[in-house]
Amino acid sequence: MSTRTYTLNFTGAGTGTLPAGVFFKVMSAAANITIRTRGSTSSPIEFTDVGEGLKFGPVDESKRWTYLDVQSAVAQVVTVIVSDDGEVDVAGTVEIAGDVDVVELPASTIATPAADVIANGAALAVAANSARRRITICNLSSNLGSVFVQATGAGAGRGIEVQPGMNAEMHGIYAFDVRNDSGASVTVTRTEEA
């Protein structure tokens, strides 16, 4: 009785065959694969277009397979653990390439500047703010038309439409515009959390 780790190196579409067992787990696969059990006294079991993390078993002796076929449609390296003892837990690892900054702290301040009046055909420029966690733009319900939250200088009718009485929330430190093409002046409010 044993637990084994197998690495299949597919250079293109193909099938690799692994030995008998009662449990398997796909440890790594960059693309989906198909796995089929063969040689058991019960019907073959097939897992179509499955990926990394799939585990099956342990099964009872009547469903024990003699062969495990792993099929890939593309070039990739697939790692599978097969056990004829039972289920096994394997510690996983995470690999990260490049720089990673994770910041998910709650905002500690909120700014509520005075309402802004935007003339028809004009845009309110909202400056970039590297401390910003979230900003909410509200188109007052008393306005007669929509405004558009958009990239700086994007132009008429582009971006996220915010209808009267609605708001748009963004999570970013970038600069952007709130543009008015409603035919009349509109008033918008904003809250900025940092």
C-alpha atoms as a PDB file:
ATOM      1  CA  MET A   1       0.000   0.000   0.000  1.00  0.00           C
ATOM      2  CA  SER A   2       1.334   3.418  -0.908  1.00  0.00           C
ATOM      3  CA  THR A   3       0.756   7.005  -1.979  1.00  0.00           C
ATOM      4  CA  ARG A   4       2.634   8.289  -5.015  1.00  0.00           C
ATOM      5  CA  THR A   5       3.034  11.588  -6.828  1.00  0.00           C
ATOM      6  CA  TYR A   6       3.168  11.457 -10.627  1.00  0.00           C
ATOM      7  CA  THR A   7       4.170  14.224 -13.001  1.00  0.00           C
ATOM      8  CA  LEU A   8       2.935  14.000 -16.587  1.00  0.00           C
ATOM      9  CA  ASN A   9       4.685  16.237 -19.116  1.00  0.00           C
ATOM     10  CA  PHE A  10       2.348  16.739 -22.093  1.00  0.00           C
ATOM     11  CA  THR A  11       4.144  18.250 -25.091  1.00  0.00           C
ATOM     12  CA  GLY A  12       0.797  18.548 -26.870  1.00  0.00           C
ATOM     13  CA  ALA A  13      -2.529  16.757 -26.850  1.00  0.00           C
ATOM     14  CA  GLY A  14      -2.169  13.293 -25.370  1.00  0.00           C
ATOM     15  CA  THR A  15      -3.008  10.758 -22.690  1.00  0.00           C
ATOM     16  CA  GLY A  16      -0.900   9.552 -19.772  1.00  0.00           C
ATOM     17  CA  THR A  17      -1.718   6.403 -17.809  1.00  0.00           C
ATOM     18  CA  LEU A  18      -1.232   6.100 -14.060  1.00  0.00           C
ATOM     19  CA  PRO A  19      -1.455   2.928 -11.922  1.00  0.00           C
ATOM     20  CA  ALA A  20      -4.117   1.451  -9.607  1.00  0.00           C
ATOM     21  CA  GLY A  21      -5.617   3.201  -6.640  1.00  0.00           C
ATOM     22  CA  VAL A  22      -8.646   4.146  -4.586  1.00  0.00           C
ATOM     23  CA  PHE A  23      -7.981   7.907  -4.332  1.00  0.00           C
ATOM     24  CA  PHE A  24      -6.481  10.629  -6.529  1.00  0.00           C
ATOM     25  CA  LYS A  25      -6.002  14.373  -6.376  1.00  0.00           C
ATOM     26  CA  VAL A  26      -4.943  16.717  -9.183  1.00  0.00           C
ATOM     27  CA  MET A  27      -2.246  18.859  -7.590  1.00  0.00           C
ATOM     28  CA  SER A  28      -1.434  21.021 -10.605  1.00  0.00           C
ATOM     29  CA  ALA A  29      -2.774  21.527 -14.123  1.00  0.00           C
ATOM     30  CA  ALA A  30      -2.497  24.790 -16.055  1.00  0.00           C
ATOM     31  CA  ALA A  31      -5.446  23.871 -18.312  1.00  0.00           C
ATOM     32  CA  ASN A  32      -8.430  21.574 -17.900  1.00  0.00           C
ATOM     33  CA  ILE A  33      -7.941  17.831 -18.271  1.00  0.00           C
ATOM     34  CA  THR A  34     -10.098  14.705 -18.534  1.00  0.00           C
ATOM     35  CA  ILE A  35      -9.566  11.802 -16.127  1.00  0.00           C
ATOM     36  CA  ARG A  36     -10.999   8.313 -16.640  1.00  0.00           C
ATOM     37  CA  THR A  37     -10.765   5.237 -14.396  1.00  0.00           C
ATOM     38  CA  ARG A  38     -10.281   1.824 -16.090  1.00  0.00           C
ATOM     39  CA  GLY A  39     -10.211  -1.765 -14.942  1.00  0.00           C
ATOM     40  CA  SER A  40     -12.627  -1.680 -12.013  1.00  0.00           C
ATOM     41  CA  THR A  41     -15.448  -4.156 -11.546  1.00  0.00           C
ATOM     42  CA  SER A  42     -17.900  -1.258 -11.751  1.00  0.00           C
ATOM     43  CA  SER A  43     -18.404   1.082 -14.689  1.00  0.00           C
ATOM     44  CA  PRO A  44     -15.553   3.449 -15.589  1.00  0.00           C
ATOM     45  CA  ILE A  45     -15.848   6.891 -14.056  1.00  0.00           C
ATOM     46  CA  GLU A  46     -14.961   9.928 -16.149  1.00  0.00           C
ATOM     47  CA  PHE A  47     -14.264  13.511 -15.082  1.00  0.00           C
ATOM     48  CA  THR A  48     -14.405  15.792 -18.135  1.00  0.00           C
ATOM     49  CA  ASP A  49     -12.768  19.236 -18.328  1.00  0.00           C
ATOM     50  CA  VAL A  50     -11.682  19.342 -14.694  1.00  0.00           C
ATOM     51  CA  GLY A  51      -8.827  21.260 -13.188  1.00  0.00           C
ATOM     52  CA  GLU A  52      -6.371  21.578 -10.391  1.00  0.00           C
ATOM     53  CA  GLY A  53      -7.727  20.648  -6.967  1.00  0.00           C
ATOM     54  CA  LEU A  54     -10.097  17.869  -8.087  1.00  0.00           C
ATOM     55  CA  LYS A  55      -9.993  14.907  -5.758  1.00  0.00           C
ATOM     56  CA  PHE A  56     -11.865  11.605  -5.955  1.00  0.00           C
ATOM     57  CA  GLY A  57     -12.174   8.823  -3.418  1.00  0.00           C
ATOM     58  CA  PRO A  58     -11.386   6.929  -1.446  1.00  0.00           C
ATOM     59  CA  VAL A  59     -13.629   4.374  -3.119  1.00  0.00           C
ATOM     60  CA  ASP A  60     -14.409   0.893  -1.836  1.00  0.00           C
ATOM     61  CA  GLU A  61     -12.613  -2.128  -3.292  1.00  0.00           C
ATOM     62  CA  SER A  62     -15.400  -2.816  -5.849  1.00  0.00           C
ATOM     63  CA  LYS A  63     -14.654   0.565  -7.516  1.00  0.00           C
ATOM     64  CA  ARG A  64     -10.858   0.332  -7.260  1.00  0.00           C
ATOM     65  CA  TRP A  65      -9.308   1.106 -10.648  1.00  0.00           C
ATOM     66  CA  THR A  66      -6.431  -0.649 -12.363  1.00  0.00           C
ATOM     67  CA  TYR A  67      -5.490   2.293 -14.567  1.00  0.00           C
ATOM     68  CA  LEU A  68      -6.115   6.024 -14.397  1.00  0.00           C
ATOM     69  CA  ASP A  69      -6.025   7.779 -17.791  1.00  0.00           C
ATOM     70  CA  VAL A  70      -5.201  11.508 -17.740  1.00  0.00           C
ATOM     71  CA  GLN A  71      -5.928  13.306 -21.010  1.00  0.00           C
ATOM     72  CA  SER A  72      -4.787  16.814 -21.930  1.00  0.00           C
ATOM     73  CA  ALA A  73      -5.705  18.786 -25.049  1.00  0.00           C
ATOM     74  CA  VAL A  74      -2.721  21.136 -24.729  1.00  0.00           C
ATOM     75  CA  ALA A  75       0.940  21.144 -23.769  1.00  0.00           C
ATOM     76  CA  GLN A  76       1.258  21.334 -19.986  1.00  0.00           C
ATOM     77  CA  VAL A  77       2.706  19.644 -16.914  1.00  0.00           C
ATOM     78  CA  VAL A  78       0.127  17.839 -14.756  1.00  0.00           C
ATOM     79  CA  THR A  79       0.845  16.519 -11.255  1.00  0.00           C
ATOM     80  CA  VAL A  80      -1.474  13.886  -9.742  1.00  0.00           C
ATOM     81  CA  ILE A  81      -1.301  12.064  -6.411  1.00  0.00           C
ATOM     82  CA  VAL A  82      -2.578   8.470  -6.501  1.00  0.00           C
ATOM     83  CA  SER A  83      -3.097   6.395  -3.367  1.00  0.00           C
ATOM     84  CA  ASP A  84      -4.141   2.804  -2.917  1.00  0.00           C
ATOM     85  CA  ASP A  85      -4.457   3.377   0.862  1.00  0.00           C
ATOM     86  CA  GLY A  86      -7.126   6.077   1.058  1.00  0.00           C
ATOM     87  CA  GLU A  87      -7.471   9.848   1.061  1.00  0.00           C
ATOM     88  CA  VAL A  88      -4.360  11.865   1.748  1.00  0.00           C
ATOM     89  CA  ASP A  89      -3.985  15.535   2.596  1.00  0.00           C
ATOM     90  CA  VAL A  90      -1.097  17.302   0.959  1.00  0.00           C
ATOM     91  CA  ALA A  91       0.114  20.729   1.975  1.00  0.00           C
ATOM     92  CA  GLY A  92       0.012  23.121  -0.966  1.00  0.00           C
ATOM     93  CA  THR A  93       2.257  26.023  -1.774  1.00  0.00           C
ATOM     94  CA  VAL A  94       1.565  29.355  -3.369  1.00  0.00           C
ATOM     95  CA  GLU A  95       4.051  30.927  -5.746  1.00  0.00           C
ATOM     96  CA  ILE A  96       3.873  34.627  -6.539  1.00  0.00           C
ATOM     97  CA  ALA A  97       6.027  36.273  -9.182  1.00  0.00           C
ATOM     98  CA  GLY A  98       6.764  39.959  -8.909  1.00  0.00           C
ATOM     99  CA  ASP A  99       5.943  42.506  -6.227  1.00  0.00           C
ATOM    100  CA  VAL A 100       2.833  42.153  -4.115  1.00  0.00           C
ATOM    101  CA  ASP A 101       1.314  44.782  -1.858  1.00  0.00           C
ATOM    102  CA  VAL A 102      -1.889  43.833  -0.091  1.00  0.00           C
ATOM    103  CA  VAL A 103      -3.694  46.569   1.752  1.00  0.00           C
ATOM    104  CA  GLU A 104      -7.197  45.917   2.970  1.00  0.00           C
ATOM    105  CA  LEU A 105      -7.465  48.203   5.939  1.00  0.00           C
ATOM    106  CA  PRO A 106     -10.645  50.092   6.737  1.00  0.00           C
ATOM    107  CA  ALA A 107     -10.773  53.770   5.926  1.00  0.00           C
ATOM    108  CA  SER A 108      -9.894  56.044   8.845  1.00  0.00           C
ATOM    109  CA  THR A 109     -11.208  59.350   7.477  1.00  0.00           C
ATOM    110  CA  ILE A 110     -14.066  60.545   5.318  1.00  0.00           C
ATOM    111  CA  ALA A 111     -14.185  63.820   3.397  1.00  0.00           C
ATOM    112  CA  THR A 112     -17.450  65.408   2.290  1.00  0.00           C
ATOM    113  CA  PRO A 113     -16.632  68.500   0.225  1.00  0.00           C
ATOM    114  CA  ALA A 114     -19.331  70.975  -0.709  1.00  0.00           C
ATOM    115  CA  ALA A 115     -21.656  69.997  -3.542  1.00  0.00           C
ATOM    116  CA  ASP A 116     -20.373  70.700  -7.049  1.00  0.00           C
ATOM    117  CA  VAL A 117     -22.468  72.318  -9.779  1.00  0.00           C
ATOM    118  CA  ILE A 118     -21.474  71.099 -13.249  1.00  0.00           C
ATOM    119  CA  ALA A 119     -22.591  73.154 -16.248  1.00  0.00           C
ATOM    120  CA  ASN A 120     -23.999  71.378 -19.304  1.00  0.00           C
ATOM    121  CA  GLY A 121     -21.188  70.137 -21.551  1.00  0.00           C
ATOM    122  CA  ALA A 122     -18.600  70.443 -18.773  1.00  0.00           C
ATOM    123  CA  ALA A 123     -16.842  68.035 -16.435  1.00  0.00           C
ATOM    124  CA  LEU A 124     -15.847  68.084 -12.786  1.00  0.00           C
ATOM    125  CA  ALA A 125     -12.213  66.973 -12.503  1.00  0.00           C
ATOM    126  CA  VAL A 126     -11.579  64.755  -9.475  1.00  0.00           C
ATOM    127  CA  ALA A 127      -7.872  64.670  -8.640  1.00  0.00           C
ATOM    128  CA  ALA A 128      -5.888  61.507  -8.009  1.00  0.00           C
ATOM    129  CA  ASN A 129      -5.416  60.712  -4.335  1.00  0.00           C
ATOM    130  CA  SER A 130      -2.907  58.060  -3.290  1.00  0.00           C
ATOM    131  CA  ALA A 131      -4.533  57.772   0.157  1.00  0.00           C
ATOM    132  CA  ARG A 132      -8.039  57.186  -1.227  1.00  0.00           C
ATOM    133  CA  ARG A 133      -9.730  53.865  -0.463  1.00  0.00           C
ATOM    134  CA  ARG A 134     -13.113  54.615  -1.964  1.00  0.00           C
ATOM    135  CA  ILE A 135     -15.017  57.529  -3.472  1.00  0.00           C
ATOM    136  CA  THR A 136     -18.769  57.788  -4.023  1.00  0.00           C
ATOM    137  CA  ILE A 137     -20.280  60.217  -6.537  1.00  0.00           C
ATOM    138  CA  CYS A 138     -23.985  60.991  -6.096  1.00  0.00           C
ATOM    139  CA  ASN A 139     -26.184  62.597  -8.756  1.00  0.00           C
ATOM    140  CA  LEU A 140     -28.824  64.443  -6.711  1.00  0.00           C
ATOM    141  CA  SER A 141     -32.405  63.269  -7.172  1.00  0.00           C
ATOM    142  CA  SER A 142     -33.494  66.856  -7.967  1.00  0.00           C
ATOM    143  CA  ASN A 143     -31.335  66.860 -11.146  1.00  0.00           C
ATOM    144  CA  LEU A 144     -33.050  66.404 -14.509  1.00  0.00           C
ATOM    145  CA  GLY A 145     -30.383  64.325 -16.236  1.00  0.00           C
ATOM    146  CA  SER A 146     -27.599  61.816 -15.880  1.00  0.00           C
ATOM    147  CA  VAL A 147     -23.885  62.422 -15.368  1.00  0.00           C
ATOM    148  CA  PHE A 148     -21.058  60.154 -16.531  1.00  0.00           C
ATOM    149  CA  VAL A 149     -18.113  59.026 -14.402  1.00  0.00           C
ATOM    150  CA  GLN A 150     -15.276  58.621 -16.898  1.00  0.00           C
ATOM    151  CA  ALA A 151     -11.584  58.703 -17.589  1.00  0.00           C
ATOM    152  CA  THR A 152     -10.164  62.210 -17.562  1.00  0.00           C
ATOM    153  CA  GLY A 153     -11.082  64.005 -20.811  1.00  0.00           C
ATOM    154  CA  ALA A 154     -13.088  61.060 -22.251  1.00  0.00           C
ATOM    155  CA  GLY A 155     -15.842  63.244 -23.739  1.00  0.00           C
ATOM    156  CA  ALA A 156     -19.612  63.322 -24.064  1.00  0.00           C
ATOM    157  CA  GLY A 157     -21.690  60.286 -23.095  1.00  0.00           C
ATOM    158  CA  ARG A 158     -18.761  58.045 -22.124  1.00  0.00           C
ATOM    159  CA  GLY A 159     -18.152  56.114 -18.921  1.00  0.00           C
ATOM    160  CA  ILE A 160     -20.523  54.968 -16.185  1.00  0.00           C
ATOM    161  CA  GLU A 161     -23.928  56.629 -16.341  1.00  0.00           C
ATOM    162  CA  VAL A 162     -25.251  57.846 -12.999  1.00  0.00           C
ATOM    163  CA  GLN A 163     -28.933  58.745 -13.186  1.00  0.00           C
ATOM    164  CA  PRO A 164     -30.623  61.278 -10.866  1.00  0.00           C
ATOM    165  CA  GLY A 165     -30.865  59.924  -7.313  1.00  0.00           C
ATOM    166  CA  MET A 166     -28.219  57.261  -7.942  1.00  0.00           C
ATOM    167  CA  ASN A 167     -24.519  56.990  -7.123  1.00  0.00           C
ATOM    168  CA  ALA A 168     -21.345  55.362  -8.379  1.00  0.00           C
ATOM    169  CA  GLU A 169     -18.664  53.993  -6.076  1.00  0.00           C
ATOM    170  CA  MET A 170     -15.046  53.551  -7.147  1.00  0.00           C
ATOM    171  CA  HIS A 171     -12.083  51.954  -5.428  1.00  0.00           C
ATOM    172  CA  GLY A 172      -9.000  53.564  -6.890  1.00  0.00           C
ATOM    173  CA  ILE A 173      -6.473  56.330  -6.484  1.00  0.00           C
ATOM    174  CA  TYR A 174      -6.700  57.574 -10.086  1.00  0.00           C
ATOM    175  CA  ALA A 175      -7.960  60.932 -11.356  1.00  0.00           C
ATOM    176  CA  PHE A 176     -11.266  60.970 -13.254  1.00  0.00           C
ATOM    177  CA  ASP A 177     -14.031  63.256 -14.522  1.00  0.00           C
ATOM    178  CA  VAL A 178     -17.740  63.532 -13.781  1.00  0.00           C
ATOM    179  CA  ARG A 179     -19.262  64.836 -17.023  1.00  0.00           C
ATOM    180  CA  ASN A 180     -22.627  66.478 -17.550  1.00  0.00           C
ATOM    181  CA  ASP A 181     -24.354  66.347 -20.948  1.00  0.00           C
ATOM    182  CA  SER A 182     -27.939  66.545 -19.632  1.00  0.00           C
ATOM    183  CA  GLY A 183     -28.836  69.889 -21.220  1.00  0.00           C
ATOM    184  CA  ALA A 184     -28.910  71.745 -17.891  1.00  0.00           C
ATOM    185  CA  SER A 185     -26.640  72.290 -14.912  1.00  0.00           C
ATOM    186  CA  VAL A 186     -26.527  69.447 -12.375  1.00  0.00           C
ATOM    187  CA  THR A 187     -25.389  69.223  -8.781  1.00  0.00           C
ATOM    188  CA  VAL A 188     -23.349  66.246  -7.548  1.00  0.00           C
ATOM    189  CA  THR A 189     -22.049  65.359  -4.119  1.00  0.00           C
ATOM    190  CA  ARG A 190     -19.177  63.083  -3.165  1.00  0.00           C
ATOM    191  CA  THR A 191     -17.691  61.321  -0.190  1.00  0.00           C
ATOM    192  CA  GLU A 192     -14.070  60.268  -0.241  1.00  0.00           C
ATOM    193  CA  GLU A 193     -12.714  57.722   2.242  1.00  0.00           C
ATOM    194  CA  ALA A 194      -9.014  57.465   3.030  1.00  0.00           C
END
